[in-house]
Amino acid sequence: MPINAGSLHFLVGPAIAFVVLGLLAFFMRWAFGSGYGRERPPAVPAEDGLLTLIATLSRRESALALRAVLSDAGIRSTIRIPAPHRADVLVFPEDAERARTLAAIFPGRE
């Protein structure tokens, strides 16, 4: 069977491969992109759930120190870092009053 030298049938396979690679690259950029133009989540949650905010400190280390003071007093607590240079200390509502009293005398508080 003679081969027609003017035919472009040998380009069909590579063309399909390049189209598939282009579509795959477009999909990957869409799926795993940086999110430019997407709406950002709110910086501070609207609700703390079961926890009560007792103090906001400017350093994570200060929040950890306050948490250690609360732990020594038998109060369970956690830290939330909603933004750079900001750390919130949260406790359960039944311990909130005692925790606020301890946080008021804590030296690292804003």
PDB file of N, CA and C in Angstrom:
ATOM      1  N   MET A   1       0.855  -1.161   0.000  1.00  0.00           N
ATOM      2  CA  MET A   1       0.000   0.000   0.000  1.00  0.00           C
ATOM      3  C   MET A   1       0.907   1.233   0.000  1.00  0.00           C
ATOM      4  N   PRO A   2       0.767   2.091  -0.973  1.00  0.00           N
ATOM      5  CA  PRO A   2       1.631   3.270  -1.076  1.00  0.00           C
ATOM      6  C   PRO A   2       1.215   4.346  -0.069  1.00  0.00           C
ATOM      7  N   ILE A   3       2.166   5.104   0.427  1.00  0.00           N
ATOM      8  CA  ILE A   3       1.924   6.180   1.395  1.00  0.00           C
ATOM      9  C   ILE A   3       1.888   7.495   0.635  1.00  0.00           C
ATOM     10  N   ASN A   4       0.830   8.244   0.859  1.00  0.00           N
ATOM     11  CA  ASN A   4       0.678   9.548   0.212  1.00  0.00           C
ATOM     12  C   ASN A   4       1.516  10.562   0.989  1.00  0.00           C
ATOM     13  N   ALA A   5       2.494  11.161   0.367  1.00  0.00           N
ATOM     14  CA  ALA A   5       3.414  12.082   1.020  1.00  0.00           C
ATOM     15  C   ALA A   5       2.720  13.387   1.403  1.00  0.00           C
ATOM     16  N   GLY A   6       1.602  13.749   0.805  1.00  0.00           N
ATOM     17  CA  GLY A   6       0.911  14.993   1.092  1.00  0.00           C
ATOM     18  C   GLY A   6      -0.111  14.862   2.218  1.00  0.00           C
ATOM     19  N   SER A   7      -0.301  13.707   2.737  1.00  0.00           N
ATOM     20  CA  SER A   7      -1.291  13.491   3.776  1.00  0.00           C
ATOM     21  C   SER A   7      -0.729  13.906   5.142  1.00  0.00           C
ATOM     22  N   LEU A   8      -1.598  14.421   6.010  1.00  0.00           N
ATOM     23  CA  LEU A   8      -1.199  14.878   7.344  1.00  0.00           C
ATOM     24  C   LEU A   8      -1.749  13.970   8.436  1.00  0.00           C
ATOM     25  N   HIS A   9      -2.088  12.739   8.079  1.00  0.00           N
ATOM     26  CA  HIS A   9      -2.674  11.836   9.069  1.00  0.00           C
ATOM     27  C   HIS A   9      -1.706  11.507  10.215  1.00  0.00           C
ATOM     28  N   PHE A  10      -0.398  11.631   9.992  1.00  0.00           N
ATOM     29  CA  PHE A  10       0.577  11.332  11.037  1.00  0.00           C
ATOM     30  C   PHE A  10       0.607  12.409  12.134  1.00  0.00           C
ATOM     31  N   LEU A  11      -0.044  13.556  11.911  1.00  0.00           N
ATOM     32  CA  LEU A  11      -0.097  14.618  12.910  1.00  0.00           C
ATOM     33  C   LEU A  11      -1.302  14.504  13.843  1.00  0.00           C
ATOM     34  N   VAL A  12      -2.243  13.636  13.525  1.00  0.00           N
ATOM     35  CA  VAL A  12      -3.459  13.515  14.327  1.00  0.00           C
ATOM     36  C   VAL A  12      -3.143  13.012  15.740  1.00  0.00           C
ATOM     37  N   GLY A  13      -2.324  12.000  15.892  1.00  0.00           N
ATOM     38  CA  GLY A  13      -1.976  11.448  17.199  1.00  0.00           C
ATOM     39  C   GLY A  13      -1.293  12.473  18.100  1.00  0.00           C
ATOM     40  N   PRO A  14      -0.210  13.111  17.644  1.00  0.00           N
ATOM     41  CA  PRO A  14       0.427  14.136  18.481  1.00  0.00           C
ATOM     42  C   PRO A  14      -0.493  15.326  18.783  1.00  0.00           C
ATOM     43  N   ALA A  15      -1.350  15.703  17.849  1.00  0.00           N
ATOM     44  CA  ALA A  15      -2.276  16.816  18.092  1.00  0.00           C
ATOM     45  C   ALA A  15      -3.257  16.457  19.206  1.00  0.00           C
ATOM     46  N   ILE A  16      -3.773  15.256  19.191  1.00  0.00           N
ATOM     47  CA  ILE A  16      -4.681  14.816  20.249  1.00  0.00           C
ATOM     48  C   ILE A  16      -3.945  14.791  21.589  1.00  0.00           C
ATOM     49  N   ALA A  17      -2.697  14.322  21.580  1.00  0.00           N
ATOM     50  CA  ALA A  17      -1.916  14.268  22.821  1.00  0.00           C
ATOM     51  C   ALA A  17      -1.700  15.670  23.390  1.00  0.00           C
ATOM     52  N   PHE A  18      -1.379  16.652  22.545  1.00  0.00           N
ATOM     53  CA  PHE A  18      -1.169  18.020  23.018  1.00  0.00           C
ATOM     54  C   PHE A  18      -2.466  18.652  23.534  1.00  0.00           C
ATOM     55  N   VAL A  19      -3.583  18.356  22.894  1.00  0.00           N
ATOM     56  CA  VAL A  19      -4.873  18.878  23.362  1.00  0.00           C
ATOM     57  C   VAL A  19      -5.209  18.281  24.728  1.00  0.00           C
ATOM     58  N   VAL A  20      -5.004  16.989  24.882  1.00  0.00           N
ATOM     59  CA  VAL A  20      -5.276  16.338  26.169  1.00  0.00           C
ATOM     60  C   VAL A  20      -4.359  16.903  27.248  1.00  0.00           C
ATOM     61  N   LEU A  21      -3.071  17.101  26.960  1.00  0.00           N
ATOM     62  CA  LEU A  21      -2.145  17.688  27.934  1.00  0.00           C
ATOM     63  C   LEU A  21      -2.547  19.114  28.291  1.00  0.00           C
ATOM     64  N   GLY A  22      -2.983  19.875  27.311  1.00  0.00           N
ATOM     65  CA  GLY A  22      -3.441  21.240  27.589  1.00  0.00           C
ATOM     66  C   GLY A  22      -4.672  21.259  28.479  1.00  0.00           C
ATOM     67  N   LEU A  23      -5.634  20.394  28.193  1.00  0.00           N
ATOM     68  CA  LEU A  23      -6.827  20.306  29.038  1.00  0.00           C
ATOM     69  C   LEU A  23      -6.477  19.828  30.446  1.00  0.00           C
ATOM     70  N   LEU A  24      -5.551  18.897  30.544  1.00  0.00           N
ATOM     71  CA  LEU A  24      -5.119  18.413  31.850  1.00  0.00           C
ATOM     72  C   LEU A  24      -4.414  19.526  32.638  1.00  0.00           C
ATOM     73  N   ALA A  25      -3.571  20.300  31.976  1.00  0.00           N
ATOM     74  CA  ALA A  25      -2.895  21.420  32.648  1.00  0.00           C
ATOM     75  C   ALA A  25      -3.907  22.468  33.094  1.00  0.00           C
ATOM     76  N   PHE A  26      -4.886  22.775  32.275  1.00  0.00           N
ATOM     77  CA  PHE A  26      -5.922  23.740  32.644  1.00  0.00           C
ATOM     78  C   PHE A  26      -6.712  23.260  33.854  1.00  0.00           C
ATOM     79  N   PHE A  27      -7.079  21.978  33.855  1.00  0.00           N
ATOM     80  CA  PHE A  27      -7.822  21.421  34.984  1.00  0.00           C
ATOM     81  C   PHE A  27      -6.996  21.461  36.264  1.00  0.00           C
ATOM     82  N   MET A  28      -5.714  21.083  36.181  1.00  0.00           N
ATOM     83  CA  MET A  28      -4.855  21.084  37.370  1.00  0.00           C
ATOM     84  C   MET A  28      -4.698  22.502  37.919  1.00  0.00           C
ATOM     85  N   ARG A  29      -4.555  23.484  37.043  1.00  0.00           N
ATOM     86  CA  ARG A  29      -4.432  24.870  37.506  1.00  0.00           C
ATOM     87  C   ARG A  29      -5.726  25.323  38.174  1.00  0.00           C
ATOM     88  N   TRP A  30      -6.852  24.913  37.628  1.00  0.00           N
ATOM     89  CA  TRP A  30      -8.135  25.283  38.222  1.00  0.00           C
ATOM     90  C   TRP A  30      -8.326  24.588  39.566  1.00  0.00           C
ATOM     91  N   ALA A  31      -8.014  23.296  39.645  1.00  0.00           N
ATOM     92  CA  ALA A  31      -8.268  22.517  40.855  1.00  0.00           C
ATOM     93  C   ALA A  31      -7.294  22.843  41.981  1.00  0.00           C
ATOM     94  N   PHE A  32      -6.036  23.073  41.652  1.00  0.00           N
ATOM     95  CA  PHE A  32      -5.014  23.249  42.681  1.00  0.00           C
ATOM     96  C   PHE A  32      -4.385  24.631  42.665  1.00  0.00           C
ATOM     97  N   GLY A  33      -5.031  25.578  42.023  1.00  0.00           N
ATOM     98  CA  GLY A  33      -4.498  26.936  41.939  1.00  0.00           C
ATOM     99  C   GLY A  33      -4.535  27.660  43.272  1.00  0.00           C
ATOM    100  N   SER A  34      -3.976  28.848  43.286  1.00  0.00           N
ATOM    101  CA  SER A  34      -3.867  29.623  44.521  1.00  0.00           C
ATOM    102  C   SER A  34      -5.196  30.234  44.946  1.00  0.00           C
ATOM    103  N   GLY A  35      -6.172  30.231  44.107  1.00  0.00           N
ATOM    104  CA  GLY A  35      -7.470  30.777  44.489  1.00  0.00           C
ATOM    105  C   GLY A  35      -7.583  32.257  44.222  1.00  0.00           C
ATOM    106  N   TYR A  36      -6.753  32.805  43.343  1.00  0.00           N
ATOM    107  CA  TYR A  36      -6.821  34.221  43.031  1.00  0.00           C
ATOM    108  C   TYR A  36      -8.227  34.559  42.550  1.00  0.00           C
ATOM    109  N   GLY A  37      -8.824  35.550  43.174  1.00  0.00           N
ATOM    110  CA  GLY A  37     -10.163  35.974  42.792  1.00  0.00           C
ATOM    111  C   GLY A  37     -11.259  35.276  43.568  1.00  0.00           C
ATOM    112  N   ARG A  38     -10.904  34.282  44.358  1.00  0.00           N
ATOM    113  CA  ARG A  38     -11.924  33.605  45.156  1.00  0.00           C
ATOM    114  C   ARG A  38     -12.172  34.388  46.430  1.00  0.00           C
ATOM    115  N   GLU A  39     -13.335  34.224  46.988  1.00  0.00           N
ATOM    116  CA  GLU A  39     -13.688  34.905  48.233  1.00  0.00           C
ATOM    117  C   GLU A  39     -12.934  34.263  49.392  1.00  0.00           C
ATOM    118  N   ARG A  40     -12.333  35.072  50.235  1.00  0.00           N
ATOM    119  CA  ARG A  40     -11.577  34.567  51.384  1.00  0.00           C
ATOM    120  C   ARG A  40     -12.528  34.292  52.549  1.00  0.00           C
ATOM    121  N   PRO A  41     -12.202  33.285  53.365  1.00  0.00           N
ATOM    122  CA  PRO A  41     -13.036  33.015  54.542  1.00  0.00           C
ATOM    123  C   PRO A  41     -12.892  34.145  55.550  1.00  0.00           C
ATOM    124  N   PRO A  42     -13.887  34.346  56.390  1.00  0.00           N
ATOM    125  CA  PRO A  42     -13.785  35.406  57.394  1.00  0.00           C
ATOM    126  C   PRO A  42     -12.622  35.146  58.339  1.00  0.00           C
ATOM    127  N   ALA A  43     -11.961  36.212  58.785  1.00  0.00           N
ATOM    128  CA  ALA A  43     -10.775  36.086  59.637  1.00  0.00           C
ATOM    129  C   ALA A  43     -11.135  35.543  61.014  1.00  0.00           C
ATOM    130  N   VAL A  44     -12.242  35.981  61.556  1.00  0.00           N
ATOM    131  CA  VAL A  44     -12.650  35.550  62.888  1.00  0.00           C
ATOM    132  C   VAL A  44     -13.961  34.772  62.765  1.00  0.00           C
ATOM    133  N   PRO A  45     -14.019  33.573  63.318  1.00  0.00           N
ATOM    134  CA  PRO A  45     -15.280  32.838  63.255  1.00  0.00           C
ATOM    135  C   PRO A  45     -16.396  33.605  63.956  1.00  0.00           C
ATOM    136  N   ALA A  46     -17.584  33.522  63.395  1.00  0.00           N
ATOM    137  CA  ALA A  46     -18.723  34.237  63.969  1.00  0.00           C
ATOM    138  C   ALA A  46     -19.133  33.631  65.306  1.00  0.00           C
ATOM    139  N   GLU A  47     -18.814  32.382  65.505  1.00  0.00           N
ATOM    140  CA  GLU A  47     -19.247  31.673  66.704  1.00  0.00           C
ATOM    141  C   GLU A  47     -18.090  30.889  67.289  1.00  0.00           C
ATOM    142  N   ASP A  48     -18.017  30.814  68.596  1.00  0.00           N
ATOM    143  CA  ASP A  48     -16.976  30.036  69.250  1.00  0.00           C
ATOM    144  C   ASP A  48     -17.476  28.661  69.667  1.00  0.00           C
ATOM    145  N   GLY A  49     -18.696  28.339  69.356  1.00  0.00           N
ATOM    146  CA  GLY A  49     -19.251  27.047  69.725  1.00  0.00           C
ATOM    147  C   GLY A  49     -19.483  26.970  71.221  1.00  0.00           C
ATOM    148  N   LEU A  50     -18.936  25.964  71.871  1.00  0.00           N
ATOM    149  CA  LEU A  50     -19.118  25.777  73.302  1.00  0.00           C
ATOM    150  C   LEU A  50     -18.157  26.621  74.136  1.00  0.00           C
ATOM    151  N   LEU A  51     -17.183  27.250  73.523  1.00  0.00           N
ATOM    152  CA  LEU A  51     -16.151  27.962  74.260  1.00  0.00           C
ATOM    153  C   LEU A  51     -16.449  29.448  74.394  1.00  0.00           C
ATOM    154  N   THR A  52     -15.836  30.071  75.416  1.00  0.00           N
ATOM    155  CA  THR A  52     -15.999  31.491  75.687  1.00  0.00           C
ATOM    156  C   THR A  52     -14.644  32.165  75.612  1.00  0.00           C
ATOM    157  N   LEU A  53     -14.573  33.261  74.904  1.00  0.00           N
ATOM    158  CA  LEU A  53     -13.338  34.029  74.791  1.00  0.00           C
ATOM    159  C   LEU A  53     -13.091  34.780  76.091  1.00  0.00           C
ATOM    160  N   ILE A  54     -11.892  34.609  76.656  1.00  0.00           N
ATOM    161  CA  ILE A  54     -11.595  35.312  77.911  1.00  0.00           C
ATOM    162  C   ILE A  54     -10.465  36.318  77.751  1.00  0.00           C
ATOM    163  N   ALA A  55      -9.595  36.137  76.764  1.00  0.00           N
ATOM    164  CA  ALA A  55      -8.476  37.068  76.596  1.00  0.00           C
ATOM    165  C   ALA A  55      -7.977  37.032  75.165  1.00  0.00           C
ATOM    166  N   THR A  56      -7.509  38.185  74.698  1.00  0.00           N
ATOM    167  CA  THR A  56      -6.849  38.297  73.408  1.00  0.00           C
ATOM    168  C   THR A  56      -5.467  38.866  73.662  1.00  0.00           C
ATOM    169  N   LEU A  57      -4.461  38.140  73.207  1.00  0.00           N
ATOM    170  CA  LEU A  57      -3.072  38.543  73.435  1.00  0.00           C
ATOM    171  C   LEU A  57      -2.372  38.762  72.103  1.00  0.00           C
ATOM    172  N   SER A  58      -1.278  39.529  72.140  1.00  0.00           N
ATOM    173  CA  SER A  58      -0.592  39.850  70.895  1.00  0.00           C
ATOM    174  C   SER A  58       0.455  38.809  70.504  1.00  0.00           C
ATOM    175  N   ARG A  59       0.825  37.922  71.411  1.00  0.00           N
ATOM    176  CA  ARG A  59       1.838  36.920  71.106  1.00  0.00           C
ATOM    177  C   ARG A  59       1.351  35.529  71.491  1.00  0.00           C
ATOM    178  N   ARG A  60       1.749  34.561  70.680  1.00  0.00           N
ATOM    179  CA  ARG A  60       1.381  33.168  70.939  1.00  0.00           C
ATOM    180  C   ARG A  60       2.004  32.682  72.241  1.00  0.00           C
ATOM    181  N   GLU A  61       3.233  33.120  72.504  1.00  0.00           N
ATOM    182  CA  GLU A  61       3.931  32.698  73.718  1.00  0.00           C
ATOM    183  C   GLU A  61       3.195  33.189  74.967  1.00  0.00           C
ATOM    184  N   SER A  62       2.677  34.410  74.924  1.00  0.00           N
ATOM    185  CA  SER A  62       1.911  34.938  76.058  1.00  0.00           C
ATOM    186  C   SER A  62       0.638  34.133  76.266  1.00  0.00           C
ATOM    187  N   ALA A  63       0.007  33.757  75.170  1.00  0.00           N
ATOM    188  CA  ALA A  63      -1.209  32.944  75.270  1.00  0.00           C
ATOM    189  C   ALA A  63      -0.898  31.573  75.863  1.00  0.00           C
ATOM    190  N   LEU A  64       0.226  31.007  75.479  1.00  0.00           N
ATOM    191  CA  LEU A  64       0.615  29.713  76.060  1.00  0.00           C
ATOM    192  C   LEU A  64       0.910  29.851  77.551  1.00  0.00           C
ATOM    193  N   ALA A  65       1.523  30.967  77.959  1.00  0.00           N
ATOM    194  CA  ALA A  65       1.797  31.192  79.380  1.00  0.00           C
ATOM    195  C   ALA A  65       0.492  31.344  80.163  1.00  0.00           C
ATOM    196  N   LEU A  66      -0.466  32.101  79.614  1.00  0.00           N
ATOM    197  CA  LEU A  66      -1.768  32.242  80.273  1.00  0.00           C
ATOM    198  C   LEU A  66      -2.470  30.889  80.352  1.00  0.00           C
ATOM    199  N   ARG A  67      -2.335  30.115  79.306  1.00  0.00           N
ATOM    200  CA  ARG A  67      -2.958  28.788  79.308  1.00  0.00           C
ATOM    201  C   ARG A  67      -2.344  27.906  80.393  1.00  0.00           C
ATOM    202  N   ALA A  68      -1.038  28.042  80.629  1.00  0.00           N
ATOM    203  CA  ALA A  68      -0.379  27.279  81.697  1.00  0.00           C
ATOM    204  C   ALA A  68      -0.890  27.717  83.068  1.00  0.00           C
ATOM    205  N   VAL A  69      -1.107  29.032  83.247  1.00  0.00           N
ATOM    206  CA  VAL A  69      -1.650  29.544  84.510  1.00  0.00           C
ATOM    207  C   VAL A  69      -3.054  28.982  84.730  1.00  0.00           C
ATOM    208  N   LEU A  70      -3.853  28.983  83.681  1.00  0.00           N
ATOM    209  CA  LEU A  70      -5.215  28.447  83.790  1.00  0.00           C
ATOM    210  C   LEU A  70      -5.187  26.949  84.091  1.00  0.00           C
ATOM    211  N   SER A  71      -4.263  26.243  83.467  1.00  0.00           N
ATOM    212  CA  SER A  71      -4.150  24.807  83.702  1.00  0.00           C
ATOM    213  C   SER A  71      -3.760  24.518  85.151  1.00  0.00           C
ATOM    214  N   ASP A  72      -2.870  25.346  85.708  1.00  0.00           N
ATOM    215  CA  ASP A  72      -2.491  25.172  87.113  1.00  0.00           C
ATOM    216  C   ASP A  72      -3.677  25.385  88.045  1.00  0.00           C
ATOM    217  N   ALA A  73      -4.627  26.212  87.612  1.00  0.00           N
ATOM    218  CA  ALA A  73      -5.825  26.469  88.419  1.00  0.00           C
ATOM    219  C   ALA A  73      -6.916  25.438  88.151  1.00  0.00           C
ATOM    220  N   GLY A  74      -6.639  24.462  87.286  1.00  0.00           N
ATOM    221  CA  GLY A  74      -7.615  23.420  86.993  1.00  0.00           C
ATOM    222  C   GLY A  74      -8.649  23.820  85.953  1.00  0.00           C
ATOM    223  N   ILE A  75      -8.330  24.805  85.129  1.00  0.00           N
ATOM    224  CA  ILE A  75      -9.259  25.284  84.101  1.00  0.00           C
ATOM    225  C   ILE A  75      -8.762  24.808  82.741  1.00  0.00           C
ATOM    226  N   ARG A  76      -9.626  24.103  82.013  1.00  0.00           N
ATOM    227  CA  ARG A  76      -9.283  23.649  80.669  1.00  0.00           C
ATOM    228  C   ARG A  76      -9.398  24.821  79.708  1.00  0.00           C
ATOM    229  N   SER A  77      -8.430  24.966  78.817  1.00  0.00           N
ATOM    230  CA  SER A  77      -8.446  26.082  77.881  1.00  0.00           C
ATOM    231  C   SER A  77      -7.817  25.668  76.561  1.00  0.00           C
ATOM    232  N   THR A  78      -8.000  26.521  75.558  1.00  0.00           N
ATOM    233  CA  THR A  78      -7.393  26.312  74.252  1.00  0.00           C
ATOM    234  C   THR A  78      -7.032  27.667  73.664  1.00  0.00           C
ATOM    235  N   ILE A  79      -6.222  27.636  72.625  1.00  0.00           N
ATOM    236  CA  ILE A  79      -5.776  28.865  71.973  1.00  0.00           C
ATOM    237  C   ILE A  79      -6.235  28.839  70.520  1.00  0.00           C
ATOM    238  N   ARG A  80      -6.693  29.980  70.051  1.00  0.00           N
ATOM    239  CA  ARG A  80      -7.037  30.163  68.643  1.00  0.00           C
ATOM    240  C   ARG A  80      -6.205  31.328  68.135  1.00  0.00           C
ATOM    241  N   ILE A  81      -5.591  31.156  66.968  1.00  0.00           N
ATOM    242  CA  ILE A  81      -4.782  32.221  66.374  1.00  0.00           C
ATOM    243  C   ILE A  81      -5.484  32.653  65.085  1.00  0.00           C
ATOM    244  N   PRO A  82      -6.372  33.662  65.169  1.00  0.00           N
ATOM    245  CA  PRO A  82      -7.152  34.062  64.000  1.00  0.00           C
ATOM    246  C   PRO A  82      -6.396  34.938  63.009  1.00  0.00           C
ATOM    247  N   ALA A  83      -5.317  35.586  63.443  1.00  0.00           N
ATOM    248  CA  ALA A  83      -4.562  36.484  62.578  1.00  0.00           C
ATOM    249  C   ALA A  83      -3.138  36.572  63.098  1.00  0.00           C
ATOM    250  N   PRO A  84      -2.220  37.051  62.280  1.00  0.00           N
ATOM    251  CA  PRO A  84      -0.863  37.233  62.778  1.00  0.00           C
ATOM    252  C   PRO A  84      -0.840  38.226  63.946  1.00  0.00           C
ATOM    253  N   HIS A  85      -0.011  37.958  64.910  1.00  0.00           N
ATOM    254  CA  HIS A  85       0.143  38.814  66.094  1.00  0.00           C
ATOM    255  C   HIS A  85      -1.156  38.925  66.898  1.00  0.00           C
ATOM    256  N   ARG A  86      -1.914  37.840  66.934  1.00  0.00           N
ATOM    257  CA  ARG A  86      -3.141  37.821  67.730  1.00  0.00           C
ATOM    258  C   ARG A  86      -3.429  36.382  68.147  1.00  0.00           C
ATOM    259  N   ALA A  87      -3.654  36.195  69.433  1.00  0.00           N
ATOM    260  CA  ALA A  87      -3.976  34.858  69.954  1.00  0.00           C
ATOM    261  C   ALA A  87      -5.115  35.001  70.948  1.00  0.00           C
ATOM    262  N   ASP A  88      -6.166  34.227  70.758  1.00  0.00           N
ATOM    263  CA  ASP A  88      -7.319  34.230  71.646  1.00  0.00           C
ATOM    264  C   ASP A  88      -7.237  33.014  72.569  1.00  0.00           C
ATOM    265  N   VAL A  89      -7.560  33.222  73.829  1.00  0.00           N
ATOM    266  CA  VAL A  89      -7.623  32.126  74.795  1.00  0.00           C
ATOM    267  C   VAL A  89      -9.094  31.881  75.101  1.00  0.00           C
ATOM    268  N   LEU A  90      -9.523  30.626  74.953  1.00  0.00           N
ATOM    269  CA  LEU A  90     -10.922  30.263  75.138  1.00  0.00           C
ATOM    270  C   LEU A  90     -11.049  29.189  76.215  1.00  0.00           C
ATOM    271  N   VAL A  91     -12.137  29.279  76.972  1.00  0.00           N
ATOM    272  CA  VAL A  91     -12.430  28.294  78.021  1.00  0.00           C
ATOM    273  C   VAL A  91     -13.898  27.904  77.931  1.00  0.00           C
ATOM    274  N   PHE A  92     -14.264  26.880  78.707  1.00  0.00           N
ATOM    275  CA  PHE A  92     -15.664  26.493  78.771  1.00  0.00           C
ATOM    276  C   PHE A  92     -16.441  27.507  79.620  1.00  0.00           C
ATOM    277  N   PRO A  93     -17.726  27.718  79.332  1.00  0.00           N
ATOM    278  CA  PRO A  93     -18.506  28.749  80.026  1.00  0.00           C
ATOM    279  C   PRO A  93     -18.531  28.609  81.543  1.00  0.00           C
ATOM    280  N   GLU A  94     -18.526  27.394  82.061  1.00  0.00           N
ATOM    281  CA  GLU A  94     -18.599  27.230  83.516  1.00  0.00           C
ATOM    282  C   GLU A  94     -17.312  27.706  84.212  1.00  0.00           C
ATOM    283  N   ASP A  95     -16.212  27.796  83.473  1.00  0.00           N
ATOM    284  CA  ASP A  95     -14.944  28.261  84.041  1.00  0.00           C
ATOM    285  C   ASP A  95     -14.605  29.695  83.639  1.00  0.00           C
ATOM    286  N   ALA A  96     -15.483  30.348  82.900  1.00  0.00           N
ATOM    287  CA  ALA A  96     -15.158  31.649  82.323  1.00  0.00           C
ATOM    288  C   ALA A  96     -14.898  32.717  83.386  1.00  0.00           C
ATOM    289  N   GLU A  97     -15.698  32.766  84.419  1.00  0.00           N
ATOM    290  CA  GLU A  97     -15.539  33.823  85.433  1.00  0.00           C
ATOM    291  C   GLU A  97     -14.206  33.689  86.162  1.00  0.00           C
ATOM    292  N   ARG A  98     -13.867  32.467  86.589  1.00  0.00           N
ATOM    293  CA  ARG A  98     -12.571  32.262  87.253  1.00  0.00           C
ATOM    294  C   ARG A  98     -11.413  32.544  86.314  1.00  0.00           C
ATOM    295  N   ALA A  99     -11.569  32.156  85.050  1.00  0.00           N
ATOM    296  CA  ALA A  99     -10.506  32.379  84.069  1.00  0.00           C
ATOM    297  C   ALA A  99     -10.311  33.868  83.807  1.00  0.00           C
ATOM    298  N   ARG A 100     -11.392  34.631  83.735  1.00  0.00           N
ATOM    299  CA  ARG A 100     -11.270  36.084  83.535  1.00  0.00           C
ATOM    300  C   ARG A 100     -10.563  36.738  84.725  1.00  0.00           C
ATOM    301  N   THR A 101     -10.841  36.248  85.918  1.00  0.00           N
ATOM    302  CA  THR A 101     -10.173  36.785  87.111  1.00  0.00           C
ATOM    303  C   THR A 101      -8.665  36.541  87.032  1.00  0.00           C
ATOM    304  N   LEU A 102      -8.274  35.326  86.635  1.00  0.00           N
ATOM    305  CA  LEU A 102      -6.852  35.026  86.493  1.00  0.00           C
ATOM    306  C   LEU A 102      -6.232  35.801  85.333  1.00  0.00           C
ATOM    307  N   ALA A 103      -6.970  35.950  84.238  1.00  0.00           N
ATOM    308  CA  ALA A 103      -6.438  36.671  83.079  1.00  0.00           C
ATOM    309  C   ALA A 103      -6.275  38.156  83.379  1.00  0.00           C
ATOM    310  N   ALA A 104      -7.104  38.719  84.249  1.00  0.00           N
ATOM    311  CA  ALA A 104      -7.015  40.140  84.576  1.00  0.00           C
ATOM    312  C   ALA A 104      -5.708  40.472  85.273  1.00  0.00           C
ATOM    313  N   ILE A 105      -5.178  39.543  86.063  1.00  0.00           N
ATOM    314  CA  ILE A 105      -3.927  39.809  86.769  1.00  0.00           C
ATOM    315  C   ILE A 105      -2.718  39.271  86.010  1.00  0.00           C
ATOM    316  N   PHE A 106      -2.937  38.671  84.842  1.00  0.00           N
ATOM    317  CA  PHE A 106      -1.848  38.115  84.038  1.00  0.00           C
ATOM    318  C   PHE A 106      -1.068  39.259  83.391  1.00  0.00           C
ATOM    319  N   PRO A 107       0.269  39.292  83.503  1.00  0.00           N
ATOM    320  CA  PRO A 107       1.048  40.438  83.030  1.00  0.00           C
ATOM    321  C   PRO A 107       1.123  40.585  81.512  1.00  0.00           C
ATOM    322  N   GLY A 108       0.935  39.524  80.734  1.00  0.00           N
ATOM    323  CA  GLY A 108       1.098  39.610  79.287  1.00  0.00           C
ATOM    324  C   GLY A 108      -0.134  40.032  78.529  1.00  0.00           C
ATOM    325  N   ARG A 109      -1.186  40.399  79.233  1.00  0.00           N
ATOM    326  CA  ARG A 109      -2.449  40.724  78.583  1.00  0.00           C
ATOM    327  C   ARG A 109      -2.428  42.132  78.019  1.00  0.00           C
ATOM    328  N   GLU A 110      -3.129  42.311  76.883  1.00  0.00           N
ATOM    329  CA  GLU A 110      -3.235  43.627  76.245  1.00  0.00           C
ATOM    330  C   GLU A 110      -4.146  44.549  77.004  1.00  0.00           C
TER     331      GLU A 110
END
